[in-house]
Every structure is written in C-alpha cells, then in structure tokens.
Amino acid sequence: MRENGMSVCSNCYHRIKHKNAIEVGQLWNNEPFLGVVCSDKCKEEIEKKVADGTWMVMRSFPKIIEEEDGLPTALTDKQFGTT
C-alpha cells in the first residue's frame, strides 16, 4: 500500500488519504485496508449498520423511493448462524 494513496470511506464515500484511514475491513472478513472509513464517527455508524444488517441499503444519495417498510437486511459471512 502506498502511503500517499487515496481511498474512499466505506460509510460516507468521501476520499481519504491512506495514512488517515481507519481500517474496518474485519467487519466483512476482508483483508486489511480493503474497508476503511475517514473518522471515528463513520466507524461507529458503519459498525452499527453491519450489526443491524442495514449496511447494504445505506443511502448516502437522495432517496428516489420513500418506502422504508420491507427493506432487506444483509448479513456478513461472520453473522451467519448467530441469530
């Protein structure tokens, strides 16, 4: 990994420098630094979304459809069989 490279925050999608990235790839059982966030706030938010299964239905862009009922939940491979 190049120290001066850039990544994208897994939560808010802002660009971040590798040296400022906080690693969260373990949430999806990924290799180190395949999942990163830009701040402690984003880390807390993405951990909550993974825990409650809503990480696949995040909406960082304006909503097109306002339906909130019946949204699917997404499990990571670490969460299978833990319910």
Protein backbone atom coordinates (compact mmCIF):
# COMPACT_ATOMS: atom_id res chain seq x y z
CA MET A 1 0.00 0.00 0.00
CA ARG A 2 1.35 3.40 -0.94
CA GLU A 3 1.40 5.84 1.92
CA ASN A 4 0.27 8.77 -0.22
CA GLY A 5 -2.56 6.86 -1.93
CA MET A 6 -6.25 7.60 -1.64
CA SER A 7 -9.23 5.50 -0.56
CA VAL A 8 -12.97 6.02 -0.28
CA CYS A 9 -14.77 5.94 3.07
CA SER A 10 -17.00 2.85 3.33
CA ASN A 11 -19.61 4.91 5.15
CA CYS A 12 -19.80 8.44 3.70
CA TYR A 13 -17.90 7.86 0.43
CA HIS A 14 -15.56 10.82 0.88
CA ARG A 15 -11.99 10.48 -0.39
CA ILE A 16 -9.36 9.97 2.30
CA LYS A 17 -5.59 9.59 2.35
CA HIS A 18 -4.37 6.12 3.31
CA LYS A 19 -2.42 7.50 6.25
CA ASN A 20 -5.66 8.94 7.74
CA ALA A 21 -7.83 5.88 7.07
CA ILE A 22 -9.31 3.78 9.88
CA GLU A 23 -9.42 0.11 8.93
CA VAL A 24 -12.84 -1.62 9.19
CA GLY A 25 -12.42 -4.47 6.70
CA GLN A 26 -12.64 -7.01 9.50
CA LEU A 27 -16.40 -6.28 9.65
CA TRP A 28 -16.75 -8.15 6.34
CA ASN A 29 -13.83 -10.54 6.92
CA ASN A 30 -11.74 -8.65 4.32
CA GLU A 31 -8.01 -8.24 4.04
CA PRO A 32 -6.58 -5.23 5.90
CA PHE A 33 -7.43 -1.87 4.37
CA LEU A 34 -9.97 -3.16 1.85
CA GLY A 35 -12.59 -1.48 4.02
CA VAL A 36 -11.71 1.89 5.54
CA VAL A 37 -13.51 4.89 7.00
CA CYS A 38 -12.50 8.51 7.38
CA SER A 39 -13.41 9.18 11.02
CA ASP A 40 -14.41 7.68 14.36
CA LYS A 41 -17.98 8.85 13.67
CA CYS A 42 -18.07 6.91 10.38
CA LYS A 43 -16.57 3.88 12.12
CA GLU A 44 -19.34 3.90 14.74
CA GLU A 45 -22.02 4.36 12.07
CA ILE A 46 -20.77 1.54 9.82
CA GLU A 47 -20.36 -0.83 12.79
CA LYS A 48 -23.99 -0.14 13.76
CA LYS A 49 -25.16 -0.73 10.17
CA VAL A 50 -23.28 -4.03 9.97
CA ALA A 51 -24.66 -5.13 13.36
CA ASP A 52 -28.29 -4.45 12.41
CA GLY A 53 -27.92 -5.71 8.82
CA THR A 54 -28.62 -2.41 7.03
CA TRP A 55 -25.16 -1.85 5.55
CA MET A 56 -26.33 -2.91 2.07
CA VAL A 57 -29.22 -0.45 1.98
CA MET A 58 -27.31 2.66 3.03
CA ARG A 59 -28.49 5.77 1.26
CA SER A 60 -25.84 8.41 1.01
CA PHE A 61 -27.52 9.89 -2.05
CA PRO A 62 -31.02 11.44 -2.21
CA LYS A 63 -33.81 8.92 -1.88
CA ILE A 64 -35.81 8.19 -5.01
CA ILE A 65 -38.39 5.99 -3.33
CA GLU A 66 -39.53 6.86 0.17
CA GLU A 67 -40.54 3.32 1.16
CA GLU A 68 -38.92 2.25 4.42
CA ASP A 69 -41.01 -0.85 5.15
CA GLY A 70 -39.77 -4.17 3.92
CA LEU A 71 -36.14 -3.20 3.42
CA PRO A 72 -33.95 -6.28 3.24
CA THR A 73 -31.22 -6.93 5.75
CA ALA A 74 -27.77 -8.07 4.75
CA LEU A 75 -25.62 -10.45 6.76
CA THR A 76 -21.87 -10.65 6.56
CA ASP A 77 -20.22 -14.06 6.49
CA LYS A 78 -19.30 -13.54 10.16
CA GLN A 79 -23.01 -13.21 11.08
CA PHE A 80 -24.41 -16.42 9.56
CA GLY A 81 -25.86 -18.64 12.23
CA THR A 82 -25.53 -16.03 15.01
CA THR A 83 -29.23 -15.10 15.14
